[in-house]
Amino acid sequence: MHKTDNFSYRLVVATLSGAVAVSLISGMALAVMNKPIPEIFIVIGSNAIGAISGLLAPSPNQKDG
């Protein structure tokens, strides 16, 4: 993915953010109902956070000016 392709970049970040939000809300709803939280919610949320941070971190090869 190129840095100039802003739509694709924003779409991926929005989708990953949605995955984090859904897993967080689902986990909180299950916790309020005193039900066990499936590990898949934890895995999806933590992997999406890692992917977002990897996308938003500046590249070490990127020049400042």
PDB file of N, CA and C in Angstrom:
ATOM      1  N   MET A   1       0.844  -1.167   0.000  1.00  0.00           N
ATOM      2  CA  MET A   1       0.000   0.000   0.000  1.00  0.00           C
ATOM      3  C   MET A   1       0.892   1.234   0.000  1.00  0.00           C
ATOM      4  N   HIS A   2       0.589   2.159  -0.883  1.00  0.00           N
ATOM      5  CA  HIS A   2       1.372   3.379  -0.990  1.00  0.00           C
ATOM      6  C   HIS A   2       0.838   4.441  -0.033  1.00  0.00           C
ATOM      7  N   LYS A   3       1.719   5.288   0.447  1.00  0.00           N
ATOM      8  CA  LYS A   3       1.312   6.375   1.333  1.00  0.00           C
ATOM      9  C   LYS A   3       0.402   7.370   0.617  1.00  0.00           C
ATOM     10  N   THR A   4       0.485   7.439  -0.705  1.00  0.00           N
ATOM     11  CA  THR A   4      -0.344   8.385  -1.444  1.00  0.00           C
ATOM     12  C   THR A   4      -1.774   7.884  -1.617  1.00  0.00           C
ATOM     13  N   ASP A   5      -2.023   6.622  -1.331  1.00  0.00           N
ATOM     14  CA  ASP A   5      -3.359   6.053  -1.466  1.00  0.00           C
ATOM     15  C   ASP A   5      -4.127   6.259  -0.151  1.00  0.00           C
ATOM     16  N   ASN A   6      -4.573   7.489   0.079  1.00  0.00           N
ATOM     17  CA  ASN A   6      -5.187   7.858   1.350  1.00  0.00           C
ATOM     18  C   ASN A   6      -6.497   7.131   1.615  1.00  0.00           C
ATOM     19  N   PHE A   7      -7.304   6.891   0.580  1.00  0.00           N
ATOM     20  CA  PHE A   7      -8.587   6.234   0.795  1.00  0.00           C
ATOM     21  C   PHE A   7      -8.388   4.819   1.324  1.00  0.00           C
ATOM     22  N   SER A   8      -7.516   4.057   0.707  1.00  0.00           N
ATOM     23  CA  SER A   8      -7.275   2.682   1.154  1.00  0.00           C
ATOM     24  C   SER A   8      -6.699   2.660   2.560  1.00  0.00           C
ATOM     25  N   TYR A   9      -5.787   3.573   2.827  1.00  0.00           N
ATOM     26  CA  TYR A   9      -5.158   3.655   4.136  1.00  0.00           C
ATOM     27  C   TYR A   9      -6.205   3.962   5.205  1.00  0.00           C
ATOM     28  N   ARG A  10      -7.063   4.924   4.944  1.00  0.00           N
ATOM     29  CA  ARG A  10      -8.107   5.291   5.901  1.00  0.00           C
ATOM     30  C   ARG A  10      -9.128   4.177   6.061  1.00  0.00           C
ATOM     31  N   LEU A  11      -9.436   3.472   4.983  1.00  0.00           N
ATOM     32  CA  LEU A  11     -10.385   2.371   5.044  1.00  0.00           C
ATOM     33  C   LEU A  11      -9.858   1.246   5.933  1.00  0.00           C
ATOM     34  N   VAL A  12      -8.590   0.916   5.793  1.00  0.00           N
ATOM     35  CA  VAL A  12      -7.998  -0.141   6.612  1.00  0.00           C
ATOM     36  C   VAL A  12      -7.969   0.265   8.075  1.00  0.00           C
ATOM     37  N   VAL A  13      -7.569   1.498   8.358  1.00  0.00           N
ATOM     38  CA  VAL A  13      -7.523   1.969   9.742  1.00  0.00           C
ATOM     39  C   VAL A  13      -8.934   2.007  10.340  1.00  0.00           C
ATOM     40  N   ALA A  14      -9.922   2.440   9.580  1.00  0.00           N
ATOM     41  CA  ALA A  14     -11.297   2.476  10.070  1.00  0.00           C
ATOM     42  C   ALA A  14     -11.828   1.070  10.341  1.00  0.00           C
ATOM     43  N   THR A  15     -11.521   0.128   9.471  1.00  0.00           N
ATOM     44  CA  THR A  15     -11.972  -1.243   9.657  1.00  0.00           C
ATOM     45  C   THR A  15     -11.339  -1.865  10.896  1.00  0.00           C
ATOM     46  N   LEU A  16     -10.042  -1.645  11.076  1.00  0.00           N
ATOM     47  CA  LEU A  16      -9.371  -2.170  12.261  1.00  0.00           C
ATOM     48  C   LEU A  16      -9.891  -1.504  13.526  1.00  0.00           C
ATOM     49  N   SER A  17     -10.169  -0.214  13.458  1.00  0.00           N
ATOM     50  CA  SER A  17     -10.737   0.481  14.612  1.00  0.00           C
ATOM     51  C   SER A  17     -12.124  -0.072  14.945  1.00  0.00           C
ATOM     52  N   GLY A  18     -12.878  -0.387  13.932  1.00  0.00           N
ATOM     53  CA  GLY A  18     -14.187  -1.007  14.153  1.00  0.00           C
ATOM     54  C   GLY A  18     -14.075  -2.367  14.809  1.00  0.00           C
ATOM     55  N   ALA A  19     -13.077  -3.137  14.405  1.00  0.00           N
ATOM     56  CA  ALA A  19     -12.863  -4.445  15.023  1.00  0.00           C
ATOM     57  C   ALA A  19     -12.503  -4.301  16.498  1.00  0.00           C
ATOM     58  N   VAL A  20     -11.691  -3.294  16.820  1.00  0.00           N
ATOM     59  CA  VAL A  20     -11.348  -3.039  18.219  1.00  0.00           C
ATOM     60  C   VAL A  20     -12.602  -2.649  19.000  1.00  0.00           C
ATOM     61  N   ALA A  21     -13.400  -1.766  18.436  1.00  0.00           N
ATOM     62  CA  ALA A  21     -14.601  -1.304  19.121  1.00  0.00           C
ATOM     63  C   ALA A  21     -15.600  -2.441  19.345  1.00  0.00           C
ATOM     64  N   VAL A  22     -15.805  -3.267  18.332  1.00  0.00           N
ATOM     65  CA  VAL A  22     -16.759  -4.374  18.460  1.00  0.00           C
ATOM     66  C   VAL A  22     -16.289  -5.376  19.510  1.00  0.00           C
ATOM     67  N   SER A  23     -15.018  -5.706  19.498  1.00  0.00           N
ATOM     68  CA  SER A  23     -14.526  -6.679  20.482  1.00  0.00           C
ATOM     69  C   SER A  23     -14.572  -6.099  21.892  1.00  0.00           C
ATOM     70  N   LEU A  24     -14.282  -4.803  22.034  1.00  0.00           N
ATOM     71  CA  LEU A  24     -14.329  -4.163  23.345  1.00  0.00           C
ATOM     72  C   LEU A  24     -15.763  -4.089  23.873  1.00  0.00           C
ATOM     73  N   ILE A  25     -16.692  -3.664  23.033  1.00  0.00           N
ATOM     74  CA  ILE A  25     -18.090  -3.550  23.456  1.00  0.00           C
ATOM     75  C   ILE A  25     -18.684  -4.924  23.751  1.00  0.00           C
ATOM     76  N   SER A  26     -18.364  -5.909  22.916  1.00  0.00           N
ATOM     77  CA  SER A  26     -18.866  -7.260  23.145  1.00  0.00           C
ATOM     78  C   SER A  26     -18.325  -7.836  24.450  1.00  0.00           C
ATOM     79  N   GLY A  27     -17.050  -7.636  24.697  1.00  0.00           N
ATOM     80  CA  GLY A  27     -16.455  -8.124  25.936  1.00  0.00           C
ATOM     81  C   GLY A  27     -17.051  -7.454  27.156  1.00  0.00           C
ATOM     82  N   MET A  28     -17.276  -6.139  27.058  1.00  0.00           N
ATOM     83  CA  MET A  28     -17.876  -5.424  28.187  1.00  0.00           C
ATOM     84  C   MET A  28     -19.318  -5.863  28.420  1.00  0.00           C
ATOM     85  N   ALA A  29     -20.068  -6.099  27.358  1.00  0.00           N
ATOM     86  CA  ALA A  29     -21.456  -6.544  27.496  1.00  0.00           C
ATOM     87  C   ALA A  29     -21.512  -7.932  28.136  1.00  0.00           C
ATOM     88  N   LEU A  30     -20.631  -8.812  27.731  1.00  0.00           N
ATOM     89  CA  LEU A  30     -20.600 -10.140  28.333  1.00  0.00           C
ATOM     90  C   LEU A  30     -20.173 -10.082  29.795  1.00  0.00           C
ATOM     91  N   ALA A  31     -19.240  -9.179  30.109  1.00  0.00           N
ATOM     92  CA  ALA A  31     -18.796  -9.041  31.494  1.00  0.00           C
ATOM     93  C   ALA A  31     -19.924  -8.512  32.380  1.00  0.00           C
ATOM     94  N   VAL A  32     -20.722  -7.586  31.857  1.00  0.00           N
ATOM     95  CA  VAL A  32     -21.844  -7.050  32.628  1.00  0.00           C
ATOM     96  C   VAL A  32     -22.883  -8.139  32.888  1.00  0.00           C
ATOM     97  N   MET A  33     -23.056  -9.035  31.928  1.00  0.00           N
ATOM     98  CA  MET A  33     -24.013 -10.128  32.087  1.00  0.00           C
ATOM     99  C   MET A  33     -23.425 -11.312  32.854  1.00  0.00           C
ATOM    100  N   ASN A  34     -22.219 -11.164  33.385  1.00  0.00           N
ATOM    101  CA  ASN A  34     -21.528 -12.220  34.144  1.00  0.00           C
ATOM    102  C   ASN A  34     -21.349 -13.499  33.331  1.00  0.00           C
ATOM    103  N   LYS A  35     -21.068 -13.340  32.049  1.00  0.00           N
ATOM    104  CA  LYS A  35     -20.794 -14.487  31.181  1.00  0.00           C
ATOM    105  C   LYS A  35     -19.314 -14.489  30.857  1.00  0.00           C
ATOM    106  N   PRO A  36     -18.753 -15.646  30.580  1.00  0.00           N
ATOM    107  CA  PRO A  36     -17.322 -15.689  30.232  1.00  0.00           C
ATOM    108  C   PRO A  36     -17.059 -15.031  28.881  1.00  0.00           C
ATOM    109  N   ILE A  37     -15.944 -14.317  28.808  1.00  0.00           N
ATOM    110  CA  ILE A  37     -15.561 -13.633  27.573  1.00  0.00           C
ATOM    111  C   ILE A  37     -14.740 -14.608  26.730  1.00  0.00           C
ATOM    112  N   PRO A  38     -15.202 -14.932  25.524  1.00  0.00           N
ATOM    113  CA  PRO A  38     -14.423 -15.837  24.679  1.00  0.00           C
ATOM    114  C   PRO A  38     -13.067 -15.225  24.317  1.00  0.00           C
ATOM    115  N   GLU A  39     -12.076 -16.074  24.241  1.00  0.00           N
ATOM    116  CA  GLU A  39     -10.732 -15.602  23.938  1.00  0.00           C
ATOM    117  C   GLU A  39     -10.635 -14.961  22.563  1.00  0.00           C
ATOM    118  N   ILE A  40     -11.541 -15.299  21.651  1.00  0.00           N
ATOM    119  CA  ILE A  40     -11.479 -14.750  20.307  1.00  0.00           C
ATOM    120  C   ILE A  40     -11.676 -13.236  20.322  1.00  0.00           C
ATOM    121  N   PHE A  41     -12.496 -12.713  21.246  1.00  0.00           N
ATOM    122  CA  PHE A  41     -12.662 -11.262  21.349  1.00  0.00           C
ATOM    123  C   PHE A  41     -11.361 -10.599  21.768  1.00  0.00           C
ATOM    124  N   ILE A  42     -10.656 -11.227  22.688  1.00  0.00           N
ATOM    125  CA  ILE A  42      -9.380 -10.690  23.156  1.00  0.00           C
ATOM    126  C   ILE A  42      -8.344 -10.743  22.032  1.00  0.00           C
ATOM    127  N   VAL A  43      -8.313 -11.840  21.312  1.00  0.00           N
ATOM    128  CA  VAL A  43      -7.336 -12.009  20.226  1.00  0.00           C
ATOM    129  C   VAL A  43      -7.597 -11.017  19.095  1.00  0.00           C
ATOM    130  N   ILE A  44      -8.844 -10.891  18.683  1.00  0.00           N
ATOM    131  CA  ILE A  44      -9.171  -9.968  17.583  1.00  0.00           C
ATOM    132  C   ILE A  44      -8.857  -8.532  17.982  1.00  0.00           C
ATOM    133  N   GLY A  45      -9.237  -8.134  19.185  1.00  0.00           N
ATOM    134  CA  GLY A  45      -8.983  -6.774  19.638  1.00  0.00           C
ATOM    135  C   GLY A  45      -7.507  -6.452  19.749  1.00  0.00           C
ATOM    136  N   SER A  46      -6.734  -7.358  20.340  1.00  0.00           N
ATOM    137  CA  SER A  46      -5.308  -7.074  20.513  1.00  0.00           C
ATOM    138  C   SER A  46      -4.558  -7.103  19.181  1.00  0.00           C
ATOM    139  N   ASN A  47      -4.931  -7.985  18.287  1.00  0.00           N
ATOM    140  CA  ASN A  47      -4.284  -8.004  16.973  1.00  0.00           C
ATOM    141  C   ASN A  47      -4.630  -6.769  16.152  1.00  0.00           C
ATOM    142  N   ALA A  48      -5.866  -6.297  16.263  1.00  0.00           N
ATOM    143  CA  ALA A  48      -6.255  -5.091  15.533  1.00  0.00           C
ATOM    144  C   ALA A  48      -5.512  -3.866  16.080  1.00  0.00           C
ATOM    145  N   ILE A  49      -5.332  -3.796  17.392  1.00  0.00           N
ATOM    146  CA  ILE A  49      -4.570  -2.688  17.977  1.00  0.00           C
ATOM    147  C   ILE A  49      -3.130  -2.731  17.493  1.00  0.00           C
ATOM    148  N   GLY A  50      -2.540  -3.914  17.437  1.00  0.00           N
ATOM    149  CA  GLY A  50      -1.166  -4.051  16.932  1.00  0.00           C
ATOM    150  C   GLY A  50      -1.055  -3.646  15.472  1.00  0.00           C
ATOM    151  N   ALA A  51      -2.056  -4.010  14.679  1.00  0.00           N
ATOM    152  CA  ALA A  51      -2.029  -3.648  13.261  1.00  0.00           C
ATOM    153  C   ALA A  51      -2.174  -2.143  13.068  1.00  0.00           C
ATOM    154  N   ILE A  52      -3.044  -1.517  13.860  1.00  0.00           N
ATOM    155  CA  ILE A  52      -3.211  -0.065  13.771  1.00  0.00           C
ATOM    156  C   ILE A  52      -1.919   0.649  14.141  1.00  0.00           C
ATOM    157  N   SER A  53      -1.294   0.201  15.224  1.00  0.00           N
ATOM    158  CA  SER A  53      -0.049   0.862  15.634  1.00  0.00           C
ATOM    159  C   SER A  53       1.054   0.649  14.600  1.00  0.00           C
ATOM    160  N   GLY A  54       1.068  -0.495  13.947  1.00  0.00           N
ATOM    161  CA  GLY A  54       2.045  -0.730  12.890  1.00  0.00           C
ATOM    162  C   GLY A  54       1.802   0.149  11.674  1.00  0.00           C
ATOM    163  N   LEU A  55       0.545   0.409  11.368  1.00  0.00           N
ATOM    164  CA  LEU A  55       0.220   1.269  10.225  1.00  0.00           C
ATOM    165  C   LEU A  55       0.491   2.742  10.515  1.00  0.00           C
ATOM    166  N   LEU A  56       0.250   3.163  11.755  1.00  0.00           N
ATOM    167  CA  LEU A  56       0.378   4.572  12.085  1.00  0.00           C
ATOM    168  C   LEU A  56       1.792   4.977  12.487  1.00  0.00           C
ATOM    169  N   ALA A  57       2.648   4.011  12.791  1.00  0.00           N
ATOM    170  CA  ALA A  57       4.032   4.331  13.162  1.00  0.00           C
ATOM    171  C   ALA A  57       4.795   4.786  11.920  1.00  0.00           C
ATOM    172  N   PRO A  58       5.637   5.794  12.061  1.00  0.00           N
ATOM    173  CA  PRO A  58       6.410   6.246  10.904  1.00  0.00           C
ATOM    174  C   PRO A  58       7.455   5.203  10.500  1.00  0.00           C
ATOM    175  N   SER A  59       7.708   5.134   9.227  1.00  0.00           N
ATOM    176  CA  SER A  59       8.683   4.190   8.710  1.00  0.00           C
ATOM    177  C   SER A  59      10.106   4.666   9.078  1.00  0.00           C
ATOM    178  N   PRO A  60      10.988   3.749   9.480  1.00  0.00           N
ATOM    179  CA  PRO A  60      12.348   4.168   9.809  1.00  0.00           C
ATOM    180  C   PRO A  60      13.117   4.681   8.581  1.00  0.00           C
ATOM    181  N   ASN A  61      12.688   4.306   7.399  1.00  0.00           N
ATOM    182  CA  ASN A  61      13.351   4.754   6.157  1.00  0.00           C
ATOM    183  C   ASN A  61      12.793   6.079   5.651  1.00  0.00           C
ATOM    184  N   GLN A  62      11.739   6.550   6.278  1.00  0.00           N
ATOM    185  CA  GLN A  62      11.084   7.772   5.835  1.00  0.00           C
ATOM    186  C   GLN A  62      11.944   8.984   6.189  1.00  0.00           C
ATOM    187  N   LYS A  63      12.152   9.864   5.210  1.00  0.00           N
ATOM    188  CA  LYS A  63      12.926  11.086   5.425  1.00  0.00           C
ATOM    189  C   LYS A  63      11.993  12.192   5.881  1.00  0.00           C
ATOM    190  N   ASP A  64      12.485  13.076   6.759  1.00  0.00           N
ATOM    191  CA  ASP A  64      11.670  14.179   7.268  1.00  0.00           C
ATOM    192  C   ASP A  64      11.506  15.308   6.257  1.00  0.00           C
ATOM    193  N   GLY A  65      12.423  15.498   5.379  1.00  0.00           N
ATOM    194  CA  GLY A  65      12.258  16.626   4.470  1.00  0.00           C
ATOM    195  C   GLY A  65      13.004  16.453   3.284  1.00  0.00           C
TER     196      GLY A  65
END
